[in-house]
């Protein structure tokens, strides 16, 4: 595993400590993971963004959190500046949910820590839960923000006969998927927002640029092929660590009722419902998100 600094290629945002923070890359498994690191506390908070986004998703909350711990946000596979390797051979796909959970566990140790508090949004929440199940020794706390557990990514699966056909005609299908995502990307992200001001156009353009880099169409298709039903629900009671479940009351991607169900299934979970907010409370209502998060961090001994 190697860790080397690499300057951001995008123009930094003025007075934004996150945007101006130095970028780093670390080799973990098949990936060169791009991450940013702030703070210097003895404990680690690791941030996992949702699908089609990037580590910039945490820009509004990262500075306050870095006062409590070492804070690391990274670009998940298929996103941002993290590499997009194409699988070779017949082994497990590096884009499978299980492989991504193992990647998170390995990243924690690559960063020099034994364990971390995972804050996961949407599919990042799915991977966070799977990491806690597969590597409980690496996870000391969970914050699940609009986490997909009972629908979407966690329950999607392509029928095997269709999967065989898609693999056989892979160039055709990945090109079609790239075309489809290109057309639907902006409308899909706009549905993550609730407020009347709508998803900020500048942020939308930035996310599109972050996502559509390198062989992104091929890599996303590999992730699609590797998706399958995770059957997380029966295993949720195994996660006996302090957990905070956060939802926007107008979340259209993962309805608030699913987050309520998730909090009820986890033995040590509390629920925070952010009013007048959609699928991205840490971006749409960051102050309210921090107000919900801070008591949880105090209980873990991260704040006075």
Protein backbone atom coordinates (compact mmCIF):
# COMPACT_ATOMS: atom_id res chain seq x y z
CA UNK A 1 0.00 0.00 0.00
CA UNK A 2 1.37 3.38 -0.96
CA UNK A 3 0.30 6.84 0.08
CA UNK A 4 1.41 9.81 -2.01
CA UNK A 5 0.17 13.40 -2.15
CA UNK A 6 -1.37 14.60 -5.37
CA UNK A 7 -2.71 18.14 -5.89
CA UNK A 8 -6.33 18.66 -6.85
CA UNK A 9 -6.88 19.46 -10.51
CA UNK A 10 -10.00 21.52 -9.78
CA UNK A 11 -10.03 25.15 -8.72
CA UNK A 12 -10.32 25.32 -4.88
CA UNK A 13 -13.28 27.06 -3.33
CA UNK A 14 -12.25 30.24 -1.53
CA UNK A 15 -12.12 29.91 2.28
CA UNK A 16 -13.18 26.26 2.09
CA UNK A 17 -10.73 24.17 4.18
CA UNK A 18 -11.98 20.98 2.58
CA UNK A 19 -11.58 22.15 -1.03
CA UNK A 20 -8.16 23.58 -0.22
CA UNK A 21 -6.97 20.49 1.63
CA UNK A 22 -4.28 18.46 -0.06
CA UNK A 23 -5.43 15.40 -1.97
CA UNK A 24 -3.83 12.01 -1.38
CA UNK A 25 -3.92 8.64 -3.05
CA UNK A 26 -3.48 5.28 -1.35
CA UNK A 27 -3.28 1.92 -3.06
CA UNK A 28 -5.77 -0.50 -1.53
CA UNK A 29 -6.62 -3.70 -3.35
CA UNK A 30 -7.26 -2.98 -7.02
CA UNK A 31 -7.79 0.74 -6.49
CA UNK A 32 -5.85 3.95 -6.17
CA UNK A 33 -8.20 5.59 -3.69
CA UNK A 34 -8.41 9.38 -3.68
CA UNK A 35 -9.00 10.92 -0.27
CA UNK A 36 -8.69 14.07 1.80
CA UNK A 37 -7.66 14.12 5.43
CA UNK A 38 -8.28 16.83 8.01
CA UNK A 39 -7.74 16.94 11.76
CA UNK A 40 -5.26 15.02 13.88
CA UNK A 41 -7.24 13.30 16.60
CA UNK A 42 -6.40 9.76 17.80
CA UNK A 43 -9.72 8.42 16.48
CA UNK A 44 -10.89 8.17 12.88
CA UNK A 45 -14.14 9.28 11.26
CA UNK A 46 -14.44 7.87 7.74
CA UNK A 47 -16.98 9.38 5.33
CA UNK A 48 -18.64 7.31 2.59
CA UNK A 49 -20.66 9.29 0.05
CA UNK A 50 -23.58 8.03 -2.04
CA UNK A 51 -23.74 6.85 -5.64
CA UNK A 52 -23.01 9.29 -8.49
CA UNK A 53 -21.43 11.73 -6.00
CA UNK A 54 -17.91 12.24 -4.67
CA UNK A 55 -16.08 13.22 -1.50
CA UNK A 56 -17.15 16.84 -2.09
CA UNK A 57 -20.53 15.73 -0.70
CA UNK A 58 -19.14 16.31 2.82
CA UNK A 59 -17.68 19.79 2.25
CA UNK A 60 -20.20 21.60 4.51
CA UNK A 61 -19.56 19.48 7.61
CA UNK A 62 -15.96 18.33 7.38
CA UNK A 63 -14.31 21.31 9.10
CA UNK A 64 -16.38 21.11 12.33
CA UNK A 65 -15.94 17.34 12.50
CA UNK A 66 -12.19 17.61 12.01
CA UNK A 67 -12.05 19.42 15.37
CA UNK A 68 -13.15 16.20 17.09
CA UNK A 69 -11.13 13.48 15.30
CA UNK A 70 -9.03 12.65 12.28
CA UNK A 71 -11.47 12.99 9.42
CA UNK A 72 -11.08 11.22 6.08
CA UNK A 73 -13.41 11.47 3.10
CA UNK A 74 -12.65 9.33 0.06
CA UNK A 75 -14.01 8.85 -3.43
CA UNK A 76 -15.75 5.48 -3.51
CA UNK A 77 -15.18 3.12 -6.47
CA UNK A 78 -16.57 4.48 -9.78
CA UNK A 79 -16.62 8.00 -8.34
CA UNK A 80 -14.41 11.08 -8.20
CA UNK A 81 -10.68 10.71 -8.73
CA UNK A 82 -10.41 7.14 -7.47
CA UNK A 83 -9.13 4.83 -10.21
CA UNK A 84 -11.56 2.76 -12.27
CA UNK A 85 -9.85 -0.60 -12.91
CA UNK A 86 -11.65 -3.04 -15.18
CA UNK A 87 -11.94 -6.58 -13.75
CA UNK A 88 -9.85 -9.31 -15.33
CA UNK A 89 -10.47 -13.03 -15.03
CA UNK A 90 -13.28 -14.75 -13.17
CA UNK A 91 -12.51 -13.80 -9.59
CA UNK A 92 -14.75 -11.65 -7.36
CA UNK A 93 -15.49 -8.25 -8.82
CA UNK A 94 -13.75 -5.39 -7.01
CA UNK A 95 -17.02 -3.48 -7.47
CA UNK A 96 -19.20 -5.97 -5.59
CA UNK A 97 -20.65 -4.69 -2.33
CA UNK A 98 -18.66 -7.25 -0.34
CA UNK A 99 -15.43 -6.19 -2.04
CA UNK A 100 -16.21 -2.55 -1.26
CA UNK A 101 -16.78 -3.41 2.41
CA UNK A 102 -13.43 -5.22 2.51
CA UNK A 103 -11.88 -2.18 0.84
CA UNK A 104 -13.17 0.07 3.64
CA UNK A 105 -11.72 -2.23 6.30
CA UNK A 106 -8.35 -2.26 4.53
CA UNK A 107 -8.44 1.51 4.09
CA UNK A 108 -8.84 2.00 7.85
CA UNK A 109 -5.63 0.09 8.53
CA UNK A 110 -3.84 1.73 5.57
CA UNK A 111 -4.57 5.08 7.20
CA UNK A 112 -2.89 3.89 10.40
CA UNK A 113 -5.96 3.13 12.54
CA UNK A 114 -7.43 0.01 14.08
CA UNK A 115 -11.06 1.07 13.77
CA UNK A 116 -13.27 3.94 12.65
CA UNK A 117 -16.64 5.58 13.00
CA UNK A 118 -18.28 5.27 9.59
CA UNK A 119 -20.63 7.96 8.33
CA UNK A 120 -22.31 6.58 5.22
CA UNK A 121 -24.84 8.25 2.95
CA UNK A 122 -27.25 6.31 0.70
CA UNK A 123 -25.28 3.42 -0.88
CA UNK A 124 -22.36 4.55 1.27
CA UNK A 125 -24.62 3.59 4.17
CA UNK A 126 -25.18 0.18 2.59
CA UNK A 127 -21.44 -0.41 2.38
CA UNK A 128 -20.98 0.89 5.94
CA UNK A 129 -23.48 -1.66 7.29
CA UNK A 130 -21.84 -4.45 5.31
CA UNK A 131 -18.43 -3.41 6.64
CA UNK A 132 -19.73 -3.58 10.22
CA UNK A 133 -21.04 -7.09 9.53
CA UNK A 134 -17.95 -8.41 7.75
CA UNK A 135 -15.33 -6.59 9.83
CA UNK A 136 -16.85 -5.74 13.25
CA UNK A 137 -13.39 -5.26 14.74
CA UNK A 138 -12.86 -2.28 12.40
CA UNK A 139 -16.06 -0.35 13.18
CA UNK A 140 -16.75 1.39 16.50
CA UNK A 141 -19.76 3.43 15.43
CA UNK A 142 -22.15 4.01 12.53
CA UNK A 143 -23.99 7.04 11.23
CA UNK A 144 -26.38 5.99 8.46
CA UNK A 145 -27.79 8.84 6.38
CA UNK A 146 -30.63 7.83 4.08
CA UNK A 147 -29.02 4.39 3.93
CA UNK A 148 -30.25 1.94 1.29
CA UNK A 149 -30.93 -1.25 3.23
CA UNK A 150 -34.44 -2.41 2.29
CA UNK A 151 -34.61 -1.18 -1.30
CA UNK A 152 -32.54 0.02 -4.24
CA UNK A 153 -28.89 -1.00 -4.34
CA UNK A 154 -29.15 -3.46 -1.44
CA UNK A 155 -31.97 -5.43 -3.08
CA UNK A 156 -31.24 -5.09 -6.82
CA UNK A 157 -30.24 -8.14 -8.81
CA UNK A 158 -30.12 -8.90 -12.53
CA UNK A 159 -31.68 -12.31 -13.39
CA UNK A 160 -28.95 -14.81 -14.29
CA UNK A 161 -30.05 -15.41 -17.90
CA UNK A 162 -30.08 -11.65 -18.52
CA UNK A 163 -26.73 -11.31 -16.78
CA UNK A 164 -25.17 -13.90 -19.10
CA UNK A 165 -26.45 -12.01 -22.14
CA UNK A 166 -25.21 -8.67 -20.81
CA UNK A 167 -21.76 -10.08 -20.18
CA UNK A 168 -21.64 -11.57 -23.67
CA UNK A 169 -22.57 -8.22 -25.21
CA UNK A 170 -20.71 -6.08 -22.70
CA UNK A 171 -19.48 -3.32 -25.11
CA UNK A 172 -23.01 -2.75 -26.37
CA UNK A 173 -24.58 -2.60 -22.91
CA UNK A 174 -21.98 -0.39 -21.22
CA UNK A 175 -22.24 2.14 -24.03
CA UNK A 176 -26.02 2.16 -23.73
CA UNK A 177 -25.79 2.58 -19.94
CA UNK A 178 -23.33 5.44 -20.33
CA UNK A 179 -25.73 7.14 -22.73
CA UNK A 180 -28.65 6.60 -20.35
CA UNK A 181 -26.81 7.94 -17.31
CA UNK A 182 -25.66 10.94 -19.31
CA UNK A 183 -29.29 11.80 -20.07
CA UNK A 184 -30.71 11.05 -16.61
CA UNK A 185 -27.88 12.21 -14.35
CA UNK A 186 -29.07 15.76 -13.66
CA UNK A 187 -32.78 14.88 -13.18
CA UNK A 188 -31.86 12.02 -10.83
CA UNK A 189 -29.69 14.19 -8.58
CA UNK A 190 -32.27 16.96 -8.54
CA UNK A 191 -34.71 14.53 -6.91
CA UNK A 192 -32.33 14.24 -3.95
CA UNK A 193 -33.20 17.81 -2.96
CA UNK A 194 -36.38 19.02 -1.25
CA UNK A 195 -36.07 22.79 -0.77
CA UNK A 196 -37.63 25.19 -3.28
CA UNK A 197 -34.21 26.55 -4.28
CA UNK A 198 -33.45 23.17 -5.85
CA UNK A 199 -30.14 21.37 -6.27
CA UNK A 200 -27.48 24.07 -6.80
CA UNK A 201 -26.53 24.11 -10.49
CA UNK A 202 -22.84 24.69 -9.73
CA UNK A 203 -22.77 21.63 -7.46
CA UNK A 204 -24.58 19.58 -10.08
CA UNK A 205 -21.97 20.48 -12.70
CA UNK A 206 -19.15 19.71 -10.26
CA UNK A 207 -20.56 16.29 -9.42
CA UNK A 208 -21.02 15.47 -13.09
CA UNK A 209 -17.38 16.36 -13.74
CA UNK A 210 -16.26 14.28 -10.74
CA UNK A 211 -18.25 11.24 -11.85
CA UNK A 212 -17.69 11.20 -15.61
CA UNK A 213 -13.93 10.66 -15.61
CA UNK A 214 -11.85 8.00 -17.33
CA UNK A 215 -13.61 4.73 -18.26
CA UNK A 216 -16.55 5.61 -16.03
CA UNK A 217 -19.14 3.98 -18.28
CA UNK A 218 -17.33 0.66 -18.29
CA UNK A 219 -16.60 0.81 -14.56
CA UNK A 220 -20.18 1.65 -13.65
CA UNK A 221 -21.40 -1.22 -15.81
CA UNK A 222 -19.08 -3.56 -13.91
CA UNK A 223 -20.59 -2.29 -10.66
CA UNK A 224 -24.06 -2.88 -12.11
CA UNK A 225 -23.17 -6.46 -13.10
CA UNK A 226 -21.79 -7.13 -9.60
CA UNK A 227 -24.91 -5.87 -7.80
CA UNK A 228 -27.04 -8.48 -6.09
CA UNK A 229 -29.44 -8.93 -3.19
CA UNK A 230 -27.52 -8.49 0.04
CA UNK A 231 -30.20 -9.77 2.47
CA UNK A 232 -29.08 -7.37 5.16
CA UNK A 233 -32.33 -7.23 7.12
CA UNK A 234 -31.95 -10.55 9.01
CA UNK A 235 -28.40 -9.66 10.03
CA UNK A 236 -29.04 -6.16 11.35
CA UNK A 237 -29.46 -7.32 15.00
CA UNK A 238 -25.82 -8.49 14.86
CA UNK A 239 -24.64 -4.86 14.75
CA UNK A 240 -24.43 -4.09 18.46
CA UNK A 241 -22.55 -0.79 18.28
CA UNK A 242 -23.80 2.78 18.83
CA UNK A 243 -25.62 3.87 15.67
CA UNK A 244 -27.31 7.05 14.56
CA UNK A 245 -29.83 6.78 11.72
CA UNK A 246 -30.51 10.08 9.95
CA UNK A 247 -33.22 10.84 7.40
CA UNK A 248 -34.75 13.84 5.74
CA UNK A 249 -38.50 13.88 6.25
CA UNK A 250 -38.99 14.41 2.49
CA UNK A 251 -36.44 11.86 1.26
CA UNK A 252 -37.69 10.52 -2.08
CA UNK A 253 -34.75 8.17 -2.73
CA UNK A 254 -34.96 6.30 0.59
CA UNK A 255 -38.29 7.14 2.23
CA UNK A 256 -38.10 8.16 5.88
CA UNK A 257 -40.15 5.10 6.80
CA UNK A 258 -37.25 2.88 5.71
CA UNK A 259 -34.88 4.75 8.02
CA UNK A 260 -37.36 4.38 10.88
CA UNK A 261 -37.48 0.65 10.18
CA UNK A 262 -33.68 0.52 10.12
CA UNK A 263 -33.37 2.26 13.48
CA UNK A 264 -35.89 -0.17 14.97
CA UNK A 265 -33.91 -3.19 13.71
CA UNK A 266 -30.53 -2.11 15.09
CA UNK A 267 -29.99 -2.88 18.81
CA UNK A 268 -28.23 0.39 19.74
CA UNK A 269 -29.68 2.83 17.23
CA UNK A 270 -31.24 6.24 17.58
CA UNK A 271 -33.21 8.04 14.89
CA UNK A 272 -32.92 11.67 13.81
CA UNK A 273 -35.46 13.06 11.34
CA UNK A 274 -34.40 16.34 9.71
CA UNK A 275 -37.45 18.47 8.83
CA UNK A 276 -37.96 20.08 5.42
CA UNK A 277 -35.12 18.08 3.91
CA UNK A 278 -34.59 15.50 1.17
CA UNK A 279 -32.05 12.75 0.61
CA UNK A 280 -28.94 14.82 1.39
CA UNK A 281 -29.31 16.45 4.84
CA UNK A 282 -25.55 16.95 5.19
CA UNK A 283 -25.69 19.16 2.08
CA UNK A 284 -29.20 20.64 2.11
CA UNK A 285 -29.40 21.37 5.84
CA UNK A 286 -25.84 20.97 7.20
CA UNK A 287 -26.49 22.93 10.41
CA UNK A 288 -29.43 20.69 11.33
CA UNK A 289 -27.41 17.64 10.39
CA UNK A 290 -24.59 18.65 12.74
CA UNK A 291 -27.08 19.39 15.52
CA UNK A 292 -28.34 15.82 15.20
CA UNK A 293 -24.83 14.36 14.94
CA UNK A 294 -23.08 16.18 17.79
CA UNK A 295 -24.94 14.48 20.69
CA UNK A 296 -24.06 11.11 19.17
CA UNK A 297 -20.38 12.07 18.96
CA UNK A 298 -20.48 13.25 22.59
CA UNK A 299 -21.78 9.85 23.63
CA UNK A 300 -18.79 8.28 21.87
CA UNK A 301 -16.47 10.61 23.78
CA UNK A 302 -15.42 12.69 20.77
CA UNK A 303 -16.76 15.99 22.05
CA UNK A 304 -16.66 17.66 25.44
